[in-house]
């Protein structure tokens, strides 16, 4: 069952990634396609995230599923600043990863003395309060990255709170875990325009085009599709998509590149 769920989640993530760009080139596809191990890791994380969002595991008092990151305040404000950014066991975490996690997490502020000993521990607080989170989910209705729309996600501070950005609805955007990582660690850029809309840019600065919402799926899509085929006189069978010359399999990607208007 878990293997089937992983396979379905991996395929969904991969197809979603392929559909992000309106006009991908063959070079872009080969360069950006994640490895099988990366796809499986993302799929496993998606399954766990889905379970948590649907209340399958409300968590024990010890909150064993949480990951603790120790990061110095100067590092959060400036990834190039000296200081620590480590997991509980001492493993290093990049500063930008720590900034992403700090966007939407529980945080405990600790003060250390000159000799390094903890002298004060503040109460745990949420980076985004529950009421504001509900408003964020109600407004964004899913990941705002063009072409995504995954229903649940993480709150992203457009201007990070460690750099003085306010934790307000206007400074927040909902991003799924993968696209939140893309904005922090992979060089994608996100800004809110004066009109309140969001703009996304690739790592090279090029603007990501808006993606139209998917068409509404009718109650019985198969019946609707068959009616359209009947109206156009189309008869589909098991050999419809087979080429008529030597019988080899149809290269769907090549056919779309040739036939689709945007490919020209």
Foldseek 3Di string as FASTA:
>chain_A
DVVVQLVVLLVVVQVLVVPQAPADDPVNCVVPRDDPVVSSVVSVVVVVVVCCVVPVDVADPVRVVDWDWDWDLVCLQPQPDDTATATPVRHGDRSLVVNLQLQWAKDWDFDADPVGHTDDIHDIDTNADPVQVVVQLVVQQAAPRASDNHRAAGWGQLNGVSNVGDNHSLRIHGHHPVVSCCCRPVQKHWDQDPVSHIWIAHNVGHTGDHHDDDDDQDPDNVVVVVVVCVVVVHDDDPCPQFDDDPRDHDPVVVVCLVPPPVND
